[in-house]
Each structure stands twice: as C-alpha cells, then as structure tokens.
Amino acid sequence: MKRVVVIGLGIFGFNLMKTLHENGIEVVAIDKNKEVVQQARECCTKAIVADGTSREVMESVGIQEQDVAVISFGEDLAASTLTPSI
C-alpha cells in the first residue's frame, strides 16, 4: 500500500488527503492549525499538528518512511520552496 504525507491542509491539501484516504491510501496529514488537524482526523490515517518547514519535526514524524510527499502551502511560497530540502 502506498503511503502519502500531505503537508499543509488548506483547501487543496485537505481535499487531496480526503480523496486519497477514501481510495484506500494510507495518508499522514500535517498542518500547524490545530482546528484543521482535528477535522482531518476522520479523513486520514494519522493527523499531526506540526510545522511542515522544520527538518527536525519532519524527521520525527517519519517523513522519510513515506512513499510520496505533497507540499501544499498555497499562501506561503517561501515555505513551499524550502520544505523540499527536508
């Protein structure tokens, strides 16, 4: 089974996470917003409140063990470009 981490749960990230999960894909969802993560808990395998731009945080949640990572920071272009270096 594929494992996907979705970092950033805005409109795109949340809907992607939900659709992947509905199609039987293991999804780890990460966002800084506690309320959004609470909503995501029902639509994914694991939901985590965390800063997706922090290397230490991403390593601690096991990002290197995932098959695919989707970075979905629509409003923070700088974060979108820095996160892939993790």
N, C-alpha and C. Protein backbone atom coordinates (compact mmCIF):
# COMPACT_ATOMS: atom_id res chain seq x y z
N MET A 1 0.84 -1.17 0.00
CA MET A 1 0.00 0.00 0.00
C MET A 1 0.88 1.24 0.00
N LYS A 2 0.53 2.20 -0.80
CA LYS A 2 1.26 3.46 -0.85
C LYS A 2 1.00 4.26 0.42
N ARG A 3 2.03 4.98 0.85
CA ARG A 3 1.90 5.88 1.99
C ARG A 3 2.23 7.28 1.53
N VAL A 4 1.33 8.20 1.81
CA VAL A 4 1.47 9.58 1.36
C VAL A 4 1.41 10.50 2.56
N VAL A 5 2.29 11.49 2.59
CA VAL A 5 2.18 12.54 3.59
C VAL A 5 1.76 13.81 2.88
N VAL A 6 0.74 14.47 3.41
CA VAL A 6 0.27 15.74 2.86
C VAL A 6 0.62 16.81 3.89
N ILE A 7 1.49 17.73 3.49
CA ILE A 7 1.95 18.80 4.38
C ILE A 7 1.24 20.08 3.97
N GLY A 8 0.35 20.55 4.82
CA GLY A 8 -0.45 21.74 4.52
C GLY A 8 -1.87 21.32 4.18
N LEU A 9 -2.80 21.70 5.03
CA LEU A 9 -4.19 21.28 4.86
C LEU A 9 -5.12 22.44 4.55
N GLY A 10 -4.73 23.20 3.54
CA GLY A 10 -5.64 24.22 3.02
C GLY A 10 -6.70 23.52 2.19
N ILE A 11 -7.36 24.23 1.32
CA ILE A 11 -8.42 23.64 0.50
C ILE A 11 -7.89 22.49 -0.33
N PHE A 12 -6.79 22.71 -1.05
CA PHE A 12 -6.23 21.66 -1.91
C PHE A 12 -5.73 20.48 -1.08
N GLY A 13 -4.89 20.75 -0.08
CA GLY A 13 -4.31 19.69 0.73
C GLY A 13 -5.35 18.85 1.44
N PHE A 14 -6.37 19.51 2.01
CA PHE A 14 -7.41 18.79 2.73
C PHE A 14 -8.20 17.89 1.79
N ASN A 15 -8.59 18.42 0.64
CA ASN A 15 -9.36 17.60 -0.31
C ASN A 15 -8.53 16.47 -0.90
N LEU A 16 -7.26 16.72 -1.13
CA LEU A 16 -6.38 15.66 -1.63
C LEU A 16 -6.26 14.56 -0.59
N MET A 17 -6.01 14.93 0.66
CA MET A 17 -5.90 13.96 1.75
C MET A 17 -7.16 13.11 1.84
N LYS A 18 -8.31 13.75 1.81
CA LYS A 18 -9.59 13.06 1.93
C LYS A 18 -9.81 12.09 0.77
N THR A 19 -9.54 12.53 -0.45
CA THR A 19 -9.72 11.69 -1.63
C THR A 19 -8.78 10.48 -1.62
N LEU A 20 -7.52 10.72 -1.27
CA LEU A 20 -6.56 9.61 -1.19
C LEU A 20 -7.02 8.58 -0.16
N HIS A 21 -7.42 9.05 1.00
CA HIS A 21 -7.86 8.14 2.07
C HIS A 21 -9.10 7.35 1.65
N GLU A 22 -10.04 8.01 0.99
CA GLU A 22 -11.25 7.33 0.52
C GLU A 22 -10.92 6.24 -0.50
N ASN A 23 -9.77 6.37 -1.16
CA ASN A 23 -9.35 5.39 -2.16
C ASN A 23 -8.37 4.37 -1.59
N GLY A 24 -8.33 4.26 -0.27
CA GLY A 24 -7.56 3.21 0.37
C GLY A 24 -6.08 3.47 0.52
N ILE A 25 -5.65 4.70 0.38
CA ILE A 25 -4.24 5.04 0.52
C ILE A 25 -3.99 5.52 1.94
N GLU A 26 -2.91 5.05 2.54
CA GLU A 26 -2.52 5.47 3.88
C GLU A 26 -2.01 6.91 3.80
N VAL A 27 -2.65 7.82 4.56
CA VAL A 27 -2.32 9.24 4.47
C VAL A 27 -1.97 9.79 5.86
N VAL A 28 -0.81 10.45 5.93
CA VAL A 28 -0.42 11.21 7.11
C VAL A 28 -0.60 12.68 6.75
N ALA A 29 -1.41 13.39 7.55
CA ALA A 29 -1.71 14.80 7.28
C ALA A 29 -1.02 15.67 8.33
N ILE A 30 -0.37 16.74 7.87
CA ILE A 30 0.38 17.63 8.77
C ILE A 30 0.00 19.08 8.49
N ASP A 31 -0.29 19.80 9.56
CA ASP A 31 -0.57 21.23 9.44
C ASP A 31 -0.31 21.89 10.79
N LYS A 32 -0.05 23.20 10.78
CA LYS A 32 0.18 23.97 12.01
C LYS A 32 -1.11 24.30 12.73
N ASN A 33 -2.22 24.30 12.02
CA ASN A 33 -3.50 24.71 12.57
C ASN A 33 -4.19 23.53 13.28
N LYS A 34 -4.30 23.65 14.60
CA LYS A 34 -4.87 22.57 15.41
C LYS A 34 -6.30 22.23 15.02
N GLU A 35 -7.11 23.25 14.71
CA GLU A 35 -8.51 23.01 14.36
C GLU A 35 -8.63 22.23 13.05
N VAL A 36 -7.81 22.58 12.08
CA VAL A 36 -7.83 21.87 10.79
C VAL A 36 -7.39 20.42 10.98
N VAL A 37 -6.38 20.21 11.79
CA VAL A 37 -5.90 18.85 12.05
C VAL A 37 -6.99 18.04 12.76
N GLN A 38 -7.73 18.65 13.67
CA GLN A 38 -8.83 17.95 14.33
C GLN A 38 -9.87 17.49 13.30
N GLN A 39 -10.19 18.34 12.33
CA GLN A 39 -11.14 17.99 11.29
C GLN A 39 -10.59 16.86 10.41
N ALA A 40 -9.30 16.86 10.20
CA ALA A 40 -8.67 15.88 9.32
C ALA A 40 -8.61 14.49 9.92
N ARG A 41 -8.67 14.37 11.22
CA ARG A 41 -8.52 13.08 11.90
C ARG A 41 -9.48 12.01 11.38
N GLU A 42 -10.65 12.41 10.93
CA GLU A 42 -11.63 11.45 10.44
C GLU A 42 -11.39 11.06 8.98
N CYS A 43 -10.50 11.78 8.30
CA CYS A 43 -10.32 11.60 6.86
C CYS A 43 -8.92 11.12 6.49
N CYS A 44 -8.16 10.62 7.45
CA CYS A 44 -6.80 10.18 7.13
C CYS A 44 -6.36 9.11 8.12
N THR A 45 -5.20 8.56 7.88
CA THR A 45 -4.65 7.53 8.75
C THR A 45 -4.11 8.14 10.04
N LYS A 46 -3.43 9.28 9.90
CA LYS A 46 -2.82 9.95 11.05
C LYS A 46 -2.78 11.44 10.76
N ALA A 47 -3.15 12.26 11.75
CA ALA A 47 -3.13 13.71 11.59
C ALA A 47 -2.25 14.31 12.69
N ILE A 48 -1.36 15.21 12.30
CA ILE A 48 -0.36 15.74 13.22
C ILE A 48 -0.34 17.26 13.15
N VAL A 49 -0.35 17.90 14.32
CA VAL A 49 -0.16 19.34 14.40
C VAL A 49 1.34 19.57 14.44
N ALA A 50 1.89 20.17 13.39
CA ALA A 50 3.33 20.39 13.32
C ALA A 50 3.66 21.42 12.25
N ASP A 51 4.85 21.98 12.36
CA ASP A 51 5.37 22.92 11.37
C ASP A 51 6.06 22.13 10.27
N GLY A 52 5.46 22.12 9.10
CA GLY A 52 5.99 21.36 7.97
C GLY A 52 7.29 21.89 7.41
N THR A 53 7.76 23.03 7.88
CA THR A 53 9.03 23.57 7.38
C THR A 53 10.21 23.20 8.27
N SER A 54 9.96 22.50 9.36
CA SER A 54 11.02 22.13 10.29
C SER A 54 11.58 20.75 9.98
N ARG A 55 12.85 20.71 9.67
CA ARG A 55 13.52 19.43 9.37
C ARG A 55 13.39 18.46 10.54
N GLU A 56 13.62 18.94 11.74
CA GLU A 56 13.56 18.07 12.92
C GLU A 56 12.17 17.48 13.11
N VAL A 57 11.16 18.30 12.93
CA VAL A 57 9.79 17.84 13.08
C VAL A 57 9.46 16.80 12.02
N MET A 58 9.83 17.07 10.79
CA MET A 58 9.52 16.13 9.71
C MET A 58 10.25 14.79 9.90
N GLU A 59 11.47 14.84 10.37
CA GLU A 59 12.19 13.59 10.65
C GLU A 59 11.53 12.84 11.79
N SER A 60 11.04 13.56 12.80
CA SER A 60 10.43 12.89 13.96
C SER A 60 9.09 12.23 13.61
N VAL A 61 8.40 12.74 12.60
CA VAL A 61 7.13 12.11 12.19
C VAL A 61 7.34 11.03 11.14
N GLY A 62 8.58 10.80 10.76
CA GLY A 62 8.89 9.70 9.84
C GLY A 62 8.64 9.99 8.38
N ILE A 63 8.86 11.23 7.96
CA ILE A 63 8.61 11.58 6.56
C ILE A 63 9.44 10.73 5.60
N GLN A 64 10.62 10.33 6.02
CA GLN A 64 11.48 9.53 5.14
C GLN A 64 10.92 8.14 4.88
N GLU A 65 9.93 7.72 5.68
CA GLU A 65 9.32 6.41 5.50
C GLU A 65 8.13 6.43 4.55
N GLN A 66 7.72 7.60 4.09
CA GLN A 66 6.57 7.73 3.21
C GLN A 66 6.99 7.53 1.75
N ASP A 67 6.07 7.04 0.93
CA ASP A 67 6.36 6.85 -0.49
C ASP A 67 6.29 8.15 -1.27
N VAL A 68 5.36 9.03 -0.88
CA VAL A 68 5.13 10.29 -1.59
C VAL A 68 4.89 11.39 -0.57
N ALA A 69 5.41 12.57 -0.85
CA ALA A 69 5.12 13.75 -0.03
C ALA A 69 4.54 14.83 -0.92
N VAL A 70 3.42 15.40 -0.48
CA VAL A 70 2.79 16.50 -1.20
C VAL A 70 2.90 17.74 -0.33
N ILE A 71 3.52 18.78 -0.86
CA ILE A 71 3.67 20.04 -0.14
C ILE A 71 2.60 20.98 -0.64
N SER A 72 1.73 21.39 0.26
CA SER A 72 0.57 22.17 -0.13
C SER A 72 0.48 23.44 0.72
N PHE A 73 1.46 24.32 0.54
CA PHE A 73 1.45 25.61 1.24
C PHE A 73 1.06 26.67 0.23
N GLY A 74 -0.20 26.81 -0.04
CA GLY A 74 -0.68 27.73 -1.07
C GLY A 74 -0.36 29.18 -0.83
N GLU A 75 -0.39 29.61 0.43
CA GLU A 75 -0.21 31.02 0.72
C GLU A 75 1.21 31.38 1.11
N ASP A 76 2.05 30.41 1.37
CA ASP A 76 3.41 30.68 1.82
C ASP A 76 4.41 30.12 0.80
N LEU A 77 4.67 30.88 -0.23
CA LEU A 77 5.55 30.44 -1.31
C LEU A 77 6.94 30.13 -0.81
N ALA A 78 7.46 30.92 0.11
CA ALA A 78 8.81 30.67 0.65
C ALA A 78 8.86 29.30 1.33
N ALA A 79 7.85 28.96 2.10
CA ALA A 79 7.82 27.65 2.77
C ALA A 79 7.73 26.53 1.75
N SER A 80 6.99 26.74 0.68
CA SER A 80 6.86 25.72 -0.36
C SER A 80 8.20 25.41 -1.03
N THR A 81 9.04 26.41 -1.14
CA THR A 81 10.33 26.20 -1.80
C THR A 81 11.37 25.67 -0.84
N LEU A 82 11.24 25.93 0.45
CA LEU A 82 12.21 25.47 1.42
C LEU A 82 11.94 24.05 1.91
N THR A 83 10.71 23.64 1.99
CA THR A 83 10.36 22.34 2.53
C THR A 83 10.95 21.17 1.75
N PRO A 84 11.05 21.19 0.41
CA PRO A 84 11.63 20.04 -0.28
C PRO A 84 13.05 19.71 0.14
N SER A 85 13.78 20.64 0.73
CA SER A 85 15.14 20.35 1.14
C SER A 85 15.18 19.46 2.37
N ILE A 86 14.02 19.27 3.01
CA ILE A 86 13.95 18.40 4.17
C ILE A 86 14.14 17.00 3.70
